[in-house]
PDB file of N, CA and C in Angstrom:
ATOM      1  N   UNK A   1     -85.909   5.968 -67.208  1.00  0.00           N
ATOM      2  CA  UNK A   1     -84.665   5.961 -66.458  1.00  0.00           C
ATOM      3  C   UNK A   1     -84.300   7.366 -65.978  1.00  0.00           C
ATOM      4  N   UNK A   2     -84.476   8.357 -66.888  1.00  0.00           N
ATOM      5  CA  UNK A   2     -84.158   9.739 -66.516  1.00  0.00           C
ATOM      6  C   UNK A   2     -85.063  10.225 -65.399  1.00  0.00           C
ATOM      7  N   UNK A   3     -86.336   9.820 -65.453  1.00  0.00           N
ATOM      8  CA  UNK A   3     -87.269  10.228 -64.409  1.00  0.00           C
ATOM      9  C   UNK A   3     -86.857   9.621 -63.071  1.00  0.00           C
ATOM     10  N   UNK A   4     -86.413   8.380 -63.095  1.00  0.00           N
ATOM     11  CA  UNK A   4     -85.971   7.717 -61.864  1.00  0.00           C
ATOM     12  C   UNK A   4     -84.748   8.410 -61.284  1.00  0.00           C
ATOM     13  N   UNK A   5     -83.810   8.771 -62.164  1.00  0.00           N
ATOM     14  CA  UNK A   5     -82.606   9.468 -61.703  1.00  0.00           C
ATOM     15  C   UNK A   5     -82.955  10.851 -61.146  1.00  0.00           C
ATOM     16  N   UNK A   6     -83.865  11.540 -61.803  1.00  0.00           N
ATOM     17  CA  UNK A   6     -84.281  12.858 -61.330  1.00  0.00           C
ATOM     18  C   UNK A   6     -84.979  12.737 -59.977  1.00  0.00           C
ATOM     19  N   UNK A   7     -85.811  11.729 -59.851  1.00  0.00           N
ATOM     20  CA  UNK A   7     -86.507  11.503 -58.581  1.00  0.00           C
ATOM     21  C   UNK A   7     -85.514  11.173 -57.477  1.00  0.00           C
ATOM     22  N   UNK A   8     -84.559  10.332 -57.790  1.00  0.00           N
ATOM     23  CA  UNK A   8     -83.531   9.968 -56.818  1.00  0.00           C
ATOM     24  C   UNK A   8     -82.689  11.180 -56.440  1.00  0.00           C
ATOM     25  N   UNK A   9     -82.347  12.000 -57.415  1.00  0.00           N
ATOM     26  CA  UNK A   9     -81.563  13.211 -57.147  1.00  0.00           C
ATOM     27  C   UNK A   9     -82.349  14.156 -56.243  1.00  0.00           C
ATOM     28  N   UNK A  10     -83.644  14.269 -56.482  1.00  0.00           N
ATOM     29  CA  UNK A  10     -84.482  15.129 -55.653  1.00  0.00           C
ATOM     30  C   UNK A  10     -84.541  14.591 -54.219  1.00  0.00           C
ATOM     31  N   UNK A  11     -84.679  13.279 -54.079  1.00  0.00           N
ATOM     32  CA  UNK A  11     -84.714  12.666 -52.747  1.00  0.00           C
ATOM     33  C   UNK A  11     -83.398  12.867 -52.009  1.00  0.00           C
ATOM     34  N   UNK A  12     -82.304  12.755 -52.742  1.00  0.00           N
ATOM     35  CA  UNK A  12     -80.985  12.969 -52.139  1.00  0.00           C
ATOM     36  C   UNK A  12     -80.846  14.425 -51.694  1.00  0.00           C
ATOM     37  N   UNK A  13     -81.324  15.345 -52.536  1.00  0.00           N
ATOM     38  CA  UNK A  13     -81.272  16.768 -52.199  1.00  0.00           C
ATOM     39  C   UNK A  13     -82.093  17.044 -50.945  1.00  0.00           C
ATOM     40  N   UNK A  14     -83.299  16.484 -50.867  1.00  0.00           N
ATOM     41  CA  UNK A  14     -84.151  16.675 -49.694  1.00  0.00           C
ATOM     42  C   UNK A  14     -83.500  16.090 -48.446  1.00  0.00           C
ATOM     43  N   UNK A  15     -82.890  14.919 -48.585  1.00  0.00           N
ATOM     44  CA  UNK A  15     -82.211  14.295 -47.445  1.00  0.00           C
ATOM     45  C   UNK A  15     -81.030  15.146 -46.982  1.00  0.00           C
ATOM     46  N   UNK A  16     -80.300  15.713 -47.926  1.00  0.00           N
ATOM     47  CA  UNK A  16     -79.162  16.565 -47.581  1.00  0.00           C
ATOM     48  C   UNK A  16     -79.641  17.832 -46.873  1.00  0.00           C
ATOM     49  N   UNK A  17     -80.731  18.417 -47.345  1.00  0.00           N
ATOM     50  CA  UNK A  17     -81.275  19.615 -46.701  1.00  0.00           C
ATOM     51  C   UNK A  17     -81.769  19.296 -45.291  1.00  0.00           C
ATOM     52  N   UNK A  18     -82.434  18.161 -45.153  1.00  0.00           N
ATOM     53  CA  UNK A  18     -82.910  17.744 -43.840  1.00  0.00           C
ATOM     54  C   UNK A  18     -81.732  17.528 -42.891  1.00  0.00           C
ATOM     55  N   UNK A  19     -80.701  16.895 -43.389  1.00  0.00           N
ATOM     56  CA  UNK A  19     -79.505  16.655 -42.579  1.00  0.00           C
ATOM     57  C   UNK A  19     -78.899  17.978 -42.117  1.00  0.00           C
ATOM     58  N   UNK A  20     -78.846  18.947 -43.010  1.00  0.00           N
ATOM     59  CA  UNK A  20     -78.283  20.254 -42.662  1.00  0.00           C
ATOM     60  C   UNK A  20     -79.145  20.947 -41.612  1.00  0.00           C
ATOM     61  N   UNK A  21     -80.466  20.911 -41.789  1.00  0.00           N
ATOM     62  CA  UNK A  21     -81.365  21.533 -40.803  1.00  0.00           C
ATOM     63  C   UNK A  21     -81.230  20.854 -39.443  1.00  0.00           C
ATOM     64  N   UNK A  22     -81.154  19.530 -39.446  1.00  0.00           N
ATOM     65  CA  UNK A  22     -81.027  18.800 -38.191  1.00  0.00           C
ATOM     66  C   UNK A  22     -79.691  19.084 -37.516  1.00  0.00           C
ATOM     67  N   UNK A  23     -78.659  19.262 -38.304  1.00  0.00           N
ATOM     68  CA  UNK A  23     -77.344  19.592 -37.748  1.00  0.00           C
ATOM     69  C   UNK A  23     -77.384  20.952 -37.063  1.00  0.00           C
ATOM     70  N   UNK A  24     -78.034  21.923 -37.708  1.00  0.00           N
ATOM     71  CA  UNK A  24     -78.162  23.257 -37.117  1.00  0.00           C
ATOM     72  C   UNK A  24     -79.013  23.199 -35.849  1.00  0.00           C
ATOM     73  N   UNK A  25     -80.110  22.448 -35.911  1.00  0.00           N
ATOM     74  CA  UNK A  25     -80.969  22.321 -34.739  1.00  0.00           C
ATOM     75  C   UNK A  25     -80.214  21.656 -33.591  1.00  0.00           C
ATOM     76  N   UNK A  26     -79.444  20.649 -33.901  1.00  0.00           N
ATOM     77  CA  UNK A  26     -78.650  19.964 -32.886  1.00  0.00           C
ATOM     78  C   UNK A  26     -77.652  20.923 -32.248  1.00  0.00           C
ATOM     79  N   UNK A  27     -77.022  21.745 -33.059  1.00  0.00           N
ATOM     80  CA  UNK A  27     -76.069  22.731 -32.539  1.00  0.00           C
ATOM     81  C   UNK A  27     -76.775  23.716 -31.605  1.00  0.00           C
ATOM     82  N   UNK A  28     -77.946  24.189 -32.028  1.00  0.00           N
ATOM     83  CA  UNK A  28     -78.708  25.112 -31.186  1.00  0.00           C
ATOM     84  C   UNK A  28     -79.122  24.452 -29.878  1.00  0.00           C
ATOM     85  N   UNK A  29     -79.556  23.212 -29.952  1.00  0.00           N
ATOM     86  CA  UNK A  29     -79.962  22.499 -28.746  1.00  0.00           C
ATOM     87  C   UNK A  29     -78.785  22.280 -27.802  1.00  0.00           C
ATOM     88  N   UNK A  30     -77.627  22.014 -28.357  1.00  0.00           N
ATOM     89  CA  UNK A  30     -76.435  21.854 -27.521  1.00  0.00           C
ATOM     90  C   UNK A  30     -76.100  23.159 -26.798  1.00  0.00           C
ATOM     91  N   UNK A  31     -76.250  24.278 -27.508  1.00  0.00           N
ATOM     92  CA  UNK A  31     -75.994  25.577 -26.889  1.00  0.00           C
ATOM     93  C   UNK A  31     -77.019  25.864 -25.788  1.00  0.00           C
ATOM     94  N   UNK A  32     -78.275  25.544 -26.061  1.00  0.00           N
ATOM     95  CA  UNK A  32     -79.316  25.746 -25.049  1.00  0.00           C
ATOM     96  C   UNK A  32     -79.067  24.861 -23.826  1.00  0.00           C
ATOM     97  N   UNK A  33     -78.641  23.630 -24.072  1.00  0.00           N
ATOM     98  CA  UNK A  33     -78.347  22.709 -22.976  1.00  0.00           C
ATOM     99  C   UNK A  33     -77.193  23.240 -22.131  1.00  0.00           C
ATOM    100  N   UNK A  34     -76.149  23.712 -22.786  1.00  0.00           N
ATOM    101  CA  UNK A  34     -74.999  24.257 -22.047  1.00  0.00           C
ATOM    102  C   UNK A  34     -75.424  25.453 -21.199  1.00  0.00           C
ATOM    103  N   UNK A  35     -76.265  26.315 -21.760  1.00  0.00           N
ATOM    104  CA  UNK A  35     -76.743  27.481 -21.009  1.00  0.00           C
ATOM    105  C   UNK A  35     -77.594  27.037 -19.819  1.00  0.00           C
ATOM    106  N   UNK A  36     -78.446  26.052 -20.039  1.00  0.00           N
ATOM    107  CA  UNK A  36     -79.299  25.554 -18.954  1.00  0.00           C
ATOM    108  C   UNK A  36     -78.459  24.896 -17.860  1.00  0.00           C
ATOM    109  N   UNK A  37     -77.441  24.152 -18.255  1.00  0.00           N
ATOM    110  CA  UNK A  37     -76.569  23.511 -17.271  1.00  0.00           C
ATOM    111  C   UNK A  37     -75.826  24.561 -16.453  1.00  0.00           C
ATOM    112  N   UNK A  38     -75.397  25.619 -17.109  1.00  0.00           N
ATOM    113  CA  UNK A  38     -74.711  26.705 -16.405  1.00  0.00           C
ATOM    114  C   UNK A  38     -75.663  27.368 -15.419  1.00  0.00           C
ATOM    115  N   UNK A  39     -76.898  27.561 -15.842  1.00  0.00           N
ATOM    116  CA  UNK A  39     -77.897  28.176 -14.965  1.00  0.00           C
ATOM    117  C   UNK A  39     -78.162  27.292 -13.749  1.00  0.00           C
ATOM    118  N   UNK A  40     -78.259  25.996 -13.964  1.00  0.00           N
ATOM    119  CA  UNK A  40     -78.475  25.061 -12.854  1.00  0.00           C
ATOM    120  C   UNK A  40     -77.299  25.120 -11.885  1.00  0.00           C
ATOM    121  N   UNK A  41     -76.099  25.187 -12.418  1.00  0.00           N
ATOM    122  CA  UNK A  41     -74.901  25.278 -11.580  1.00  0.00           C
ATOM    123  C   UNK A  41     -74.934  26.550 -10.740  1.00  0.00           C
ATOM    124  N   UNK A  42     -75.284  27.661 -11.378  1.00  0.00           N
ATOM    125  CA  UNK A  42     -75.367  28.940 -10.674  1.00  0.00           C
ATOM    126  C   UNK A  42     -76.452  28.897  -9.597  1.00  0.00           C
ATOM    127  N   UNK A  43     -77.596  28.330  -9.920  1.00  0.00           N
ATOM    128  CA  UNK A  43     -78.687  28.251  -8.947  1.00  0.00           C
ATOM    129  C   UNK A  43     -78.309  27.340  -7.777  1.00  0.00           C
ATOM    130  N   UNK A  44     -77.568  26.287  -8.056  1.00  0.00           N
ATOM    131  CA  UNK A  44     -77.094  25.414  -6.986  1.00  0.00           C
ATOM    132  C   UNK A  44     -76.176  26.161  -6.038  1.00  0.00           C
ATOM    133  N   UNK A  45     -75.296  26.972  -6.609  1.00  0.00           N
ATOM    134  CA  UNK A  45     -74.381  27.765  -5.783  1.00  0.00           C
ATOM    135  C   UNK A  45     -75.162  28.775  -4.942  1.00  0.00           C
ATOM    136  N   UNK A  46     -76.158  29.397  -5.551  1.00  0.00           N
ATOM    137  CA  UNK A  46     -76.976  30.359  -4.802  1.00  0.00           C
ATOM    138  C   UNK A  46     -77.748  29.656  -3.689  1.00  0.00           C
ATOM    139  N   UNK A  47     -78.221  28.456  -3.958  1.00  0.00           N
ATOM    140  CA  UNK A  47     -78.942  27.695  -2.936  1.00  0.00           C
ATOM    141  C   UNK A  47     -78.012  27.350  -1.777  1.00  0.00           C
ATOM    142  N   UNK A  48     -76.795  26.949  -2.094  1.00  0.00           N
ATOM    143  CA  UNK A  48     -75.826  26.655  -1.037  1.00  0.00           C
ATOM    144  C   UNK A  48     -75.547  27.889  -0.188  1.00  0.00           C
ATOM    145  N   UNK A  49     -75.417  29.044  -0.836  1.00  0.00           N
ATOM    146  CA  UNK A  49     -75.195  30.287  -0.102  1.00  0.00           C
ATOM    147  C   UNK A  49     -76.384  30.594   0.809  1.00  0.00           C
ATOM    148  N   UNK A  50     -77.593  30.404   0.289  1.00  0.00           N
ATOM    149  CA  UNK A  50     -78.789  30.673   1.088  1.00  0.00           C
ATOM    150  C   UNK A  50     -78.858  29.716   2.279  1.00  0.00           C
ATOM    151  N   UNK A  51     -78.515  28.456   2.068  1.00  0.00           N
ATOM    152  CA  UNK A  51     -78.510  27.483   3.167  1.00  0.00           C
ATOM    153  C   UNK A  51     -77.533  27.911   4.255  1.00  0.00           C
ATOM    154  N   UNK A  52     -76.364  28.333   3.835  1.00  0.00           N
ATOM    155  CA  UNK A  52     -75.347  28.777   4.792  1.00  0.00           C
ATOM    156  C   UNK A  52     -75.844  29.976   5.581  1.00  0.00           C
ATOM    157  N   UNK A  53     -76.474  30.922   4.902  1.00  0.00           N
ATOM    158  CA  UNK A  53     -76.992  32.104   5.593  1.00  0.00           C
ATOM    159  C   UNK A  53     -78.085  31.726   6.585  1.00  0.00           C
ATOM    160  N   UNK A  54     -78.973  30.816   6.210  1.00  0.00           N
ATOM    161  CA  UNK A  54     -80.044  30.379   7.114  1.00  0.00           C
ATOM    162  C   UNK A  54     -79.452  29.653   8.316  1.00  0.00           C
ATOM    163  N   UNK A  55     -78.487  28.788   8.069  1.00  0.00           N
ATOM    164  CA  UNK A  55     -77.842  28.069   9.174  1.00  0.00           C
ATOM    165  C   UNK A  55     -77.156  29.038  10.125  1.00  0.00           C
ATOM    166  N   UNK A  56     -76.515  30.056   9.579  1.00  0.00           N
ATOM    167  CA  UNK A  56     -75.861  31.071  10.403  1.00  0.00           C
ATOM    168  C   UNK A  56     -76.890  31.813  11.250  1.00  0.00           C
ATOM    169  N   UNK A  57     -77.993  32.162  10.641  1.00  0.00           N
ATOM    170  CA  UNK A  57     -79.053  32.843  11.387  1.00  0.00           C
ATOM    171  C   UNK A  57     -79.620  31.940  12.491  1.00  0.00           C
ATOM    172  N   UNK A  58     -79.839  30.695  12.173  1.00  0.00           N
ATOM    173  CA  UNK A  58     -80.357  29.749  13.185  1.00  0.00           C
ATOM    174  C   UNK A  58     -79.382  29.609  14.338  1.00  0.00           C
ATOM    175  N   UNK A  59     -78.093  29.493  13.999  1.00  0.00           N
ATOM    176  CA  UNK A  59     -77.067  29.346  15.038  1.00  0.00           C
ATOM    177  C   UNK A  59     -76.964  30.597  15.916  1.00  0.00           C
ATOM    178  N   UNK A  60     -77.338  31.744  15.374  1.00  0.00           N
ATOM    179  CA  UNK A  60     -77.224  32.979  16.138  1.00  0.00           C
ATOM    180  C   UNK A  60     -78.451  33.226  17.031  1.00  0.00           C
ATOM    181  N   UNK A  61     -79.477  32.412  16.894  1.00  0.00           N
ATOM    182  CA  UNK A  61     -80.662  32.569  17.739  1.00  0.00           C
ATOM    183  C   UNK A  61     -80.315  32.163  19.175  1.00  0.00           C
ATOM    184  N   UNK A  62     -80.881  32.879  20.126  1.00  0.00           N
ATOM    185  CA  UNK A  62     -80.598  32.537  21.517  1.00  0.00           C
ATOM    186  C   UNK A  62     -81.187  31.166  21.865  1.00  0.00           C
ATOM    187  N   UNK A  63     -80.450  30.432  22.675  1.00  0.00           N
ATOM    188  CA  UNK A  63     -80.910  29.098  23.102  1.00  0.00           C
ATOM    189  C   UNK A  63     -82.035  29.267  24.129  1.00  0.00           C
ATOM    190  N   UNK A  64     -82.950  28.339  24.133  1.00  0.00           N
ATOM    191  CA  UNK A  64     -84.061  28.422  25.096  1.00  0.00           C
ATOM    192  C   UNK A  64     -83.997  27.312  26.093  1.00  0.00           C
TER     193      UNK A  64
END
């Protein structure tokens, strides 16, 4: 009985440690996702600016 309880306690400890590691990993992944989303937003804005500049340049070309 004592061996079973010790084994169960060890399994519970391992599960708790795994849960803690996964929680930390999840937090890190959420931070990475937020950073990536911000980068995508910034790149989208830069792309819009570049499109506007190209359109302006095209519009300024002499008509043929």
